Amino acid sequence: MKKTLGQVLCFPSPDNSSKISLAKLQDLKDIYETEKSNLIKNAPKLSQKVLYPTSFEKQNVLLALNIFHESNSAALAHEAEEKGKDIMGTREFIDQFLNWWNIVNVKNSEKGKRLKNPFGDPVRSKDQMSMIFLNKFYDCLVSWNNKSALPLEKKEKN
């Protein structure tokens, strides 16, 4: 039996906080194992170091960010469509992280236009798509934290 502790994340769906979704690292590992010998890959950022890091490699932010690469989301969608696997929770989690990252990682005012990504535009109004996403994301995090079975952090016992 393989060690899976800490490799499945339960989180409330961003569209419906009463629905619980699962993000499984195994979904990405399956794609990597399928594609590792292929010349052309749907998820080129997945590697042995990314999916099976040593204790030292776990501190490498660039390796961690490769888990959340856009190509992985697209590969998960392709895998779900082609094989009918239920991996949408993993894709949903990656997409939420990517949207959040694109919003908070704006370094110049033209990034959104250049990359054709509305989440790459600086936040200028409360009605902007980025701000609507952040409000929804915040509500989702609050909902997640309020669910005792799915804590964001360990709660102290009284």
N, C-alpha and C. Protein backbone atom coordinates (compact mmCIF):
# COMPACT_ATOMS: atom_id res chain seq x y z
N MET A 1 0.85 -1.18 0.00
CA MET A 1 0.00 0.00 0.00
C MET A 1 0.89 1.24 0.00
N LYS A 2 0.60 2.16 -0.90
CA LYS A 2 1.39 3.38 -1.00
C LYS A 2 0.97 4.38 0.07
N LYS A 3 1.91 5.17 0.50
CA LYS A 3 1.64 6.22 1.48
C LYS A 3 0.89 7.36 0.80
N THR A 4 -0.32 7.64 1.27
CA THR A 4 -1.11 8.73 0.69
C THR A 4 -1.48 9.78 1.72
N LEU A 5 -1.04 9.61 2.95
CA LEU A 5 -1.34 10.58 4.00
C LEU A 5 -0.83 11.96 3.59
N GLY A 6 -1.67 12.95 3.63
CA GLY A 6 -1.26 14.30 3.27
C GLY A 6 -1.25 14.55 1.78
N GLN A 7 -1.76 13.60 0.98
CA GLN A 7 -1.75 13.76 -0.47
C GLN A 7 -3.15 13.90 -1.05
N VAL A 8 -4.15 13.97 -0.18
CA VAL A 8 -5.53 14.23 -0.59
C VAL A 8 -6.02 15.42 0.22
N LEU A 9 -6.56 16.40 -0.47
CA LEU A 9 -7.02 17.61 0.19
C LEU A 9 -8.53 17.73 -0.01
N CYS A 10 -9.27 17.80 1.09
CA CYS A 10 -10.72 18.02 1.04
C CYS A 10 -10.96 19.51 1.18
N PHE A 11 -11.77 20.07 0.27
CA PHE A 11 -12.05 21.50 0.34
C PHE A 11 -13.46 21.76 -0.19
N PRO A 12 -14.11 22.83 0.30
CA PRO A 12 -15.44 23.15 -0.21
C PRO A 12 -15.33 23.67 -1.65
N SER A 13 -16.25 23.24 -2.47
CA SER A 13 -16.26 23.68 -3.86
C SER A 13 -16.48 25.19 -3.90
N PRO A 14 -15.74 25.90 -4.74
CA PRO A 14 -15.91 27.36 -4.83
C PRO A 14 -17.30 27.77 -5.33
N ASP A 15 -17.94 26.89 -6.08
CA ASP A 15 -19.27 27.21 -6.61
C ASP A 15 -20.38 26.88 -5.62
N ASN A 16 -20.13 25.94 -4.71
CA ASN A 16 -21.14 25.52 -3.75
C ASN A 16 -20.42 25.05 -2.50
N SER A 17 -20.38 25.90 -1.47
CA SER A 17 -19.58 25.59 -0.28
C SER A 17 -20.10 24.39 0.51
N SER A 18 -21.32 23.93 0.22
CA SER A 18 -21.82 22.74 0.92
C SER A 18 -21.33 21.46 0.24
N LYS A 19 -20.80 21.58 -0.98
CA LYS A 19 -20.26 20.42 -1.70
C LYS A 19 -18.77 20.31 -1.41
N ILE A 20 -18.32 19.12 -1.04
CA ILE A 20 -16.91 18.89 -0.74
C ILE A 20 -16.23 18.31 -1.97
N SER A 21 -15.11 18.90 -2.35
CA SER A 21 -14.31 18.42 -3.48
C SER A 21 -13.01 17.82 -2.95
N LEU A 22 -12.42 16.95 -3.75
CA LEU A 22 -11.14 16.33 -3.38
C LEU A 22 -10.09 16.68 -4.41
N ALA A 23 -8.94 17.14 -3.94
CA ALA A 23 -7.77 17.36 -4.80
C ALA A 23 -6.77 16.28 -4.42
N LYS A 24 -6.42 15.45 -5.40
CA LYS A 24 -5.54 14.31 -5.13
C LYS A 24 -4.24 14.44 -5.92
N LEU A 25 -3.14 14.39 -5.21
CA LEU A 25 -1.83 14.42 -5.86
C LEU A 25 -1.68 13.21 -6.79
N GLN A 26 -2.36 12.13 -6.46
CA GLN A 26 -2.29 10.92 -7.28
C GLN A 26 -2.77 11.17 -8.71
N ASP A 27 -3.71 12.08 -8.89
CA ASP A 27 -4.19 12.42 -10.24
C ASP A 27 -3.04 12.93 -11.11
N LEU A 28 -2.21 13.80 -10.53
CA LEU A 28 -1.05 14.32 -11.27
C LEU A 28 0.02 13.25 -11.45
N LYS A 29 0.20 12.40 -10.44
CA LYS A 29 1.17 11.31 -10.55
C LYS A 29 0.78 10.35 -11.67
N ASP A 30 -0.52 10.08 -11.80
CA ASP A 30 -0.99 9.19 -12.86
C ASP A 30 -0.69 9.77 -14.24
N ILE A 31 -0.92 11.07 -14.39
CA ILE A 31 -0.61 11.73 -15.67
C ILE A 31 0.89 11.64 -15.95
N TYR A 32 1.70 11.93 -14.93
CA TYR A 32 3.15 11.86 -15.10
C TYR A 32 3.60 10.46 -15.52
N GLU A 33 3.09 9.44 -14.84
CA GLU A 33 3.48 8.06 -15.14
C GLU A 33 3.07 7.69 -16.57
N THR A 34 1.93 8.17 -17.02
CA THR A 34 1.46 7.89 -18.38
C THR A 34 2.33 8.59 -19.42
N GLU A 35 2.76 9.81 -19.11
CA GLU A 35 3.46 10.64 -20.11
C GLU A 35 4.98 10.64 -20.01
N LYS A 36 5.55 10.07 -18.97
CA LYS A 36 6.99 10.27 -18.74
C LYS A 36 7.88 9.79 -19.87
N SER A 37 7.44 8.81 -20.63
CA SER A 37 8.28 8.33 -21.74
C SER A 37 7.86 8.94 -23.09
N ASN A 38 6.82 9.76 -23.08
CA ASN A 38 6.36 10.40 -24.32
C ASN A 38 7.28 11.57 -24.68
N LEU A 39 7.43 11.78 -25.96
CA LEU A 39 8.21 12.91 -26.45
C LEU A 39 7.43 14.22 -26.26
N ILE A 40 6.13 14.16 -26.55
CA ILE A 40 5.26 15.33 -26.38
C ILE A 40 4.36 15.05 -25.18
N LYS A 41 4.31 16.02 -24.26
CA LYS A 41 3.57 15.83 -23.02
C LYS A 41 2.49 16.90 -22.86
N ASN A 42 1.36 16.51 -22.28
CA ASN A 42 0.31 17.47 -21.94
C ASN A 42 0.68 18.25 -20.68
N ALA A 43 1.47 17.64 -19.82
CA ALA A 43 1.87 18.27 -18.55
C ALA A 43 3.40 18.26 -18.44
N PRO A 44 4.08 19.12 -19.21
CA PRO A 44 5.55 19.08 -19.23
C PRO A 44 6.22 19.53 -17.93
N LYS A 45 5.51 20.21 -17.06
CA LYS A 45 6.11 20.69 -15.81
C LYS A 45 6.16 19.60 -14.74
N LEU A 46 5.45 18.50 -14.95
CA LEU A 46 5.50 17.41 -13.97
C LEU A 46 6.78 16.61 -14.16
N SER A 47 7.44 16.34 -13.05
CA SER A 47 8.69 15.57 -13.10
C SER A 47 8.81 14.77 -11.81
N GLN A 48 9.82 13.91 -11.78
CA GLN A 48 10.10 13.11 -10.58
C GLN A 48 10.34 14.03 -9.38
N LYS A 49 11.11 15.10 -9.59
CA LYS A 49 11.43 16.03 -8.49
C LYS A 49 10.19 16.77 -7.99
N VAL A 50 9.28 17.09 -8.90
CA VAL A 50 8.07 17.83 -8.53
C VAL A 50 7.12 16.94 -7.73
N LEU A 51 6.92 15.71 -8.18
CA LEU A 51 5.93 14.82 -7.57
C LEU A 51 6.46 13.98 -6.42
N TYR A 52 7.75 13.73 -6.40
CA TYR A 52 8.35 12.91 -5.34
C TYR A 52 9.58 13.64 -4.78
N PRO A 53 9.38 14.83 -4.19
CA PRO A 53 10.53 15.62 -3.74
C PRO A 53 11.19 15.04 -2.49
N THR A 54 12.49 15.26 -2.39
CA THR A 54 13.21 14.91 -1.17
C THR A 54 12.87 15.97 -0.12
N SER A 55 13.30 15.75 1.10
CA SER A 55 13.04 16.72 2.17
C SER A 55 13.60 18.09 1.80
N PHE A 56 14.78 18.11 1.20
CA PHE A 56 15.41 19.37 0.81
C PHE A 56 14.65 20.02 -0.36
N GLU A 57 14.21 19.22 -1.33
CA GLU A 57 13.50 19.75 -2.51
C GLU A 57 12.13 20.31 -2.15
N LYS A 58 11.56 19.87 -1.03
CA LYS A 58 10.25 20.39 -0.60
C LYS A 58 10.32 21.87 -0.26
N GLN A 59 11.52 22.41 -0.07
CA GLN A 59 11.70 23.82 0.24
C GLN A 59 11.83 24.68 -1.01
N ASN A 60 11.89 24.06 -2.17
CA ASN A 60 12.09 24.77 -3.43
C ASN A 60 10.74 25.27 -3.97
N VAL A 61 10.54 26.57 -3.94
CA VAL A 61 9.27 27.17 -4.36
C VAL A 61 8.99 26.90 -5.83
N LEU A 62 10.01 26.96 -6.68
CA LEU A 62 9.79 26.73 -8.11
C LEU A 62 9.28 25.33 -8.39
N LEU A 63 9.78 24.35 -7.66
CA LEU A 63 9.27 22.99 -7.82
C LEU A 63 7.82 22.90 -7.37
N ALA A 64 7.51 23.56 -6.26
CA ALA A 64 6.13 23.55 -5.76
C ALA A 64 5.19 24.23 -6.74
N LEU A 65 5.63 25.32 -7.34
CA LEU A 65 4.77 26.03 -8.30
C LEU A 65 4.51 25.20 -9.56
N ASN A 66 5.40 24.28 -9.88
CA ASN A 66 5.18 23.42 -11.05
C ASN A 66 3.95 22.53 -10.89
N ILE A 67 3.56 22.24 -9.66
CA ILE A 67 2.33 21.49 -9.42
C ILE A 67 1.13 22.29 -9.92
N PHE A 68 1.20 23.61 -9.77
CA PHE A 68 0.07 24.48 -10.09
C PHE A 68 0.19 25.12 -11.48
N HIS A 69 0.93 24.52 -12.38
CA HIS A 69 1.10 25.08 -13.72
C HIS A 69 -0.18 24.89 -14.55
N GLU A 70 -0.45 25.86 -15.42
CA GLU A 70 -1.65 25.81 -16.26
C GLU A 70 -1.73 24.55 -17.11
N SER A 71 -0.58 24.06 -17.55
CA SER A 71 -0.58 22.85 -18.38
C SER A 71 -1.11 21.64 -17.61
N ASN A 72 -0.93 21.62 -16.30
CA ASN A 72 -1.45 20.50 -15.50
C ASN A 72 -2.97 20.53 -15.47
N SER A 73 -3.54 21.72 -15.36
CA SER A 73 -4.99 21.86 -15.39
C SER A 73 -5.55 21.37 -16.72
N ALA A 74 -4.90 21.77 -17.80
CA ALA A 74 -5.34 21.34 -19.14
C ALA A 74 -5.17 19.83 -19.30
N ALA A 75 -4.09 19.27 -18.77
CA ALA A 75 -3.86 17.82 -18.85
C ALA A 75 -4.92 17.07 -18.05
N LEU A 76 -5.32 17.61 -16.91
CA LEU A 76 -6.37 16.98 -16.11
C LEU A 76 -7.70 17.00 -16.86
N ALA A 77 -8.00 18.11 -17.52
CA ALA A 77 -9.24 18.21 -18.31
C ALA A 77 -9.22 17.18 -19.44
N HIS A 78 -8.08 17.07 -20.10
CA HIS A 78 -7.93 16.11 -21.19
C HIS A 78 -8.09 14.68 -20.68
N GLU A 79 -7.48 14.38 -19.56
CA GLU A 79 -7.56 13.05 -18.95
C GLU A 79 -9.00 12.72 -18.56
N ALA A 80 -9.71 13.68 -18.00
CA ALA A 80 -11.10 13.45 -17.61
C ALA A 80 -11.97 13.18 -18.83
N GLU A 81 -11.72 13.94 -19.88
CA GLU A 81 -12.50 13.79 -21.11
C GLU A 81 -12.19 12.46 -21.80
N GLU A 82 -10.91 12.12 -21.85
CA GLU A 82 -10.48 10.92 -22.58
C GLU A 82 -10.78 9.62 -21.84
N LYS A 83 -10.56 9.62 -20.53
CA LYS A 83 -10.70 8.38 -19.77
C LYS A 83 -11.89 8.38 -18.82
N GLY A 84 -12.60 9.49 -18.75
CA GLY A 84 -13.78 9.56 -17.89
C GLY A 84 -13.46 9.50 -16.40
N LYS A 85 -12.24 9.85 -16.03
CA LYS A 85 -11.85 9.83 -14.62
C LYS A 85 -12.43 11.04 -13.89
N ASP A 86 -12.76 10.84 -12.62
CA ASP A 86 -13.27 11.93 -11.79
C ASP A 86 -12.09 12.65 -11.15
N ILE A 87 -11.55 13.61 -11.88
CA ILE A 87 -10.38 14.35 -11.40
C ILE A 87 -10.66 15.85 -11.37
N MET A 88 -11.94 16.20 -11.44
CA MET A 88 -12.29 17.61 -11.53
C MET A 88 -11.99 18.36 -10.23
N GLY A 89 -12.00 17.68 -9.09
CA GLY A 89 -11.65 18.35 -7.84
C GLY A 89 -10.21 18.84 -7.86
N THR A 90 -9.32 18.01 -8.39
CA THR A 90 -7.91 18.38 -8.49
C THR A 90 -7.75 19.56 -9.44
N ARG A 91 -8.44 19.48 -10.57
CA ARG A 91 -8.36 20.57 -11.55
C ARG A 91 -8.95 21.86 -10.96
N GLU A 92 -10.07 21.74 -10.27
CA GLU A 92 -10.72 22.90 -9.65
C GLU A 92 -9.77 23.58 -8.65
N PHE A 93 -9.07 22.77 -7.84
CA PHE A 93 -8.15 23.32 -6.86
C PHE A 93 -6.99 24.04 -7.54
N ILE A 94 -6.42 23.43 -8.57
CA ILE A 94 -5.32 24.05 -9.30
C ILE A 94 -5.78 25.35 -9.95
N ASP A 95 -6.97 25.35 -10.55
CA ASP A 95 -7.49 26.56 -11.19
C ASP A 95 -7.71 27.68 -10.18
N GLN A 96 -8.23 27.34 -8.99
CA GLN A 96 -8.44 28.36 -7.96
C GLN A 96 -7.10 28.96 -7.53
N PHE A 97 -6.12 28.10 -7.32
CA PHE A 97 -4.79 28.58 -6.93
C PHE A 97 -4.20 29.45 -8.02
N LEU A 98 -4.31 29.01 -9.28
CA LEU A 98 -3.76 29.79 -10.41
C LEU A 98 -4.41 31.17 -10.50
N ASN A 99 -5.73 31.22 -10.37
CA ASN A 99 -6.41 32.52 -10.43
C ASN A 99 -5.93 33.43 -9.30
N TRP A 100 -5.86 32.88 -8.08
CA TRP A 100 -5.37 33.68 -6.96
C TRP A 100 -3.94 34.14 -7.22
N TRP A 101 -3.07 33.25 -7.68
CA TRP A 101 -1.67 33.59 -7.93
C TRP A 101 -1.57 34.68 -8.99
N ASN A 102 -2.34 34.56 -10.06
CA ASN A 102 -2.29 35.57 -11.13
C ASN A 102 -2.74 36.94 -10.63
N ILE A 103 -3.67 36.97 -9.69
CA ILE A 103 -4.14 38.25 -9.15
C ILE A 103 -3.08 38.88 -8.24
N VAL A 104 -2.50 38.09 -7.35
CA VAL A 104 -1.55 38.66 -6.37
C VAL A 104 -0.15 38.82 -6.93
N ASN A 105 0.12 38.30 -8.11
CA ASN A 105 1.46 38.35 -8.68
C ASN A 105 1.54 39.30 -9.88
N VAL A 106 0.81 40.40 -9.81
CA VAL A 106 0.85 41.41 -10.89
C VAL A 106 2.01 42.35 -10.61
N LYS A 107 2.93 42.44 -11.58
CA LYS A 107 4.11 43.29 -11.39
C LYS A 107 4.07 44.53 -12.27
N ASN A 108 3.23 44.52 -13.31
CA ASN A 108 3.06 45.74 -14.11
C ASN A 108 1.64 45.80 -14.65
N SER A 109 1.22 46.98 -15.04
CA SER A 109 -0.17 47.21 -15.42
C SER A 109 -0.56 46.60 -16.75
N GLU A 110 0.39 46.14 -17.53
CA GLU A 110 0.10 45.57 -18.85
C GLU A 110 0.11 44.04 -18.86
N LYS A 111 0.39 43.41 -17.73
CA LYS A 111 0.53 41.96 -17.70
C LYS A 111 -0.72 41.24 -18.19
N GLY A 112 -1.89 41.67 -17.73
CA GLY A 112 -3.14 41.02 -18.13
C GLY A 112 -3.39 41.10 -19.62
N LYS A 113 -3.11 42.26 -20.20
CA LYS A 113 -3.30 42.43 -21.65
C LYS A 113 -2.31 41.58 -22.42
N ARG A 114 -1.06 41.60 -21.99
CA ARG A 114 -0.01 40.86 -22.69
C ARG A 114 -0.27 39.36 -22.68
N LEU A 115 -0.73 38.84 -21.54
CA LEU A 115 -0.98 37.41 -21.41
C LEU A 115 -2.43 37.03 -21.74
N LYS A 116 -3.24 38.04 -22.08
CA LYS A 116 -4.67 37.82 -22.37
C LYS A 116 -5.35 37.08 -21.22
N ASN A 117 -5.07 37.56 -20.01
CA ASN A 117 -5.61 36.96 -18.79
C ASN A 117 -6.17 38.08 -17.92
N PRO A 118 -7.49 38.16 -17.78
CA PRO A 118 -8.08 39.25 -16.97
C PRO A 118 -7.63 39.23 -15.51
N PHE A 119 -7.21 38.07 -15.00
CA PHE A 119 -6.72 38.00 -13.62
C PHE A 119 -5.32 38.58 -13.48
N GLY A 120 -4.67 38.90 -14.59
CA GLY A 120 -3.35 39.51 -14.57
C GLY A 120 -3.39 41.03 -14.57
N ASP A 121 -4.61 41.59 -14.67
CA ASP A 121 -4.76 43.05 -14.61
C ASP A 121 -4.72 43.52 -13.16
N PRO A 122 -4.14 44.69 -12.89
CA PRO A 122 -4.17 45.22 -11.52
C PRO A 122 -5.62 45.46 -11.08
N VAL A 123 -5.89 45.26 -9.81
CA VAL A 123 -7.24 45.48 -9.28
C VAL A 123 -7.46 46.98 -9.15
N ARG A 124 -8.49 47.48 -9.84
CA ARG A 124 -8.77 48.91 -9.83
C ARG A 124 -10.17 49.25 -9.33
N SER A 125 -11.06 48.25 -9.32
CA SER A 125 -12.42 48.52 -8.83
C SER A 125 -13.00 47.27 -8.19
N LYS A 126 -14.00 47.47 -7.35
CA LYS A 126 -14.62 46.34 -6.64
C LYS A 126 -15.48 45.49 -7.56
N ASP A 127 -15.83 46.00 -8.73
CA ASP A 127 -16.64 45.25 -9.68
C ASP A 127 -15.81 44.47 -10.69
N GLN A 128 -14.51 44.61 -10.60
CA GLN A 128 -13.60 43.92 -11.52
C GLN A 128 -13.63 42.41 -11.26
N MET A 129 -13.43 41.64 -12.32
CA MET A 129 -13.45 40.18 -12.24
C MET A 129 -12.51 39.65 -11.15
N SER A 130 -11.34 40.25 -11.02
CA SER A 130 -10.37 39.81 -10.01
C SER A 130 -10.91 40.01 -8.60
N MET A 131 -11.56 41.13 -8.37
CA MET A 131 -12.10 41.42 -7.03
C MET A 131 -13.27 40.51 -6.71
N ILE A 132 -14.09 40.23 -7.69
CA ILE A 132 -15.21 39.31 -7.50
C ILE A 132 -14.67 37.92 -7.14
N PHE A 133 -13.63 37.50 -7.85
CA PHE A 133 -13.01 36.20 -7.55
C PHE A 133 -12.45 36.21 -6.13
N LEU A 134 -11.73 37.27 -5.74
CA LEU A 134 -11.12 37.32 -4.41
C LEU A 134 -12.17 37.27 -3.30
N ASN A 135 -13.29 37.96 -3.49
CA ASN A 135 -14.37 37.91 -2.50
C ASN A 135 -14.94 36.50 -2.38
N LYS A 136 -15.15 35.86 -3.52
CA LYS A 136 -15.66 34.49 -3.54
C LYS A 136 -14.63 33.53 -2.92
N PHE A 137 -13.37 33.74 -3.23
CA PHE A 137 -12.28 32.92 -2.70
C PHE A 137 -12.20 33.07 -1.17
N TYR A 138 -12.34 34.30 -0.69
CA TYR A 138 -12.34 34.56 0.75
C TYR A 138 -13.49 33.82 1.42
N ASP A 139 -14.68 33.93 0.84
CA ASP A 139 -15.85 33.24 1.40
C ASP A 139 -15.62 31.73 1.46
N CYS A 140 -14.98 31.21 0.43
CA CYS A 140 -14.68 29.77 0.37
C CYS A 140 -13.70 29.39 1.48
N LEU A 141 -12.67 30.21 1.71
CA LEU A 141 -11.70 29.93 2.77
C LEU A 141 -12.35 30.00 4.15
N VAL A 142 -13.24 30.96 4.35
CA VAL A 142 -13.95 31.07 5.63
C VAL A 142 -14.82 29.84 5.84
N SER A 143 -15.53 29.44 4.80
CA SER A 143 -16.37 28.24 4.87
C SER A 143 -15.53 27.01 5.19
N TRP A 144 -14.38 26.91 4.56
CA TRP A 144 -13.47 25.78 4.77
C TRP A 144 -13.00 25.76 6.22
N ASN A 145 -12.63 26.90 6.73
CA ASN A 145 -12.13 26.98 8.10
C ASN A 145 -13.23 26.70 9.12
N ASN A 146 -14.48 27.04 8.79
CA ASN A 146 -15.59 26.82 9.72
C ASN A 146 -16.04 25.36 9.76
N LYS A 147 -15.68 24.58 8.77
CA LYS A 147 -16.04 23.16 8.77
C LYS A 147 -15.03 22.42 9.64
N SER A 148 -15.49 21.90 10.77
CA SER A 148 -14.57 21.29 11.73
C SER A 148 -13.84 20.08 11.15
N ALA A 149 -14.45 19.39 10.19
CA ALA A 149 -13.80 18.21 9.61
C ALA A 149 -12.73 18.59 8.58
N LEU A 150 -12.74 19.84 8.13
CA LEU A 150 -11.81 20.27 7.09
C LEU A 150 -11.05 21.52 7.51
N PRO A 151 -10.36 21.49 8.64
CA PRO A 151 -9.73 22.73 9.11
C PRO A 151 -8.53 23.15 8.27
N LEU A 152 -8.36 24.47 8.14
CA LEU A 152 -7.17 25.01 7.51
C LEU A 152 -5.98 24.87 8.44
N GLU A 153 -6.25 24.89 9.72
CA GLU A 153 -5.18 24.75 10.71
C GLU A 153 -5.73 23.93 11.86
N LYS A 154 -4.84 23.36 12.64
CA LYS A 154 -5.28 22.56 13.78
C LYS A 154 -5.88 23.47 14.83
N LYS A 155 -7.01 23.08 15.34
CA LYS A 155 -7.66 23.86 16.39
C LYS A 155 -7.20 23.33 17.75
N GLU A 156 -6.96 24.23 18.68
CA GLU A 156 -6.53 23.83 20.01
C GLU A 156 -7.71 23.30 20.80
N LYS A 157 -7.46 22.25 21.57
CA LYS A 157 -8.51 21.69 22.43
C LYS A 157 -8.55 22.50 23.71
N ASN A 158 -9.76 22.77 24.19
CA ASN A 158 -9.93 23.53 25.44
C ASN A 158 -9.90 22.61 26.63
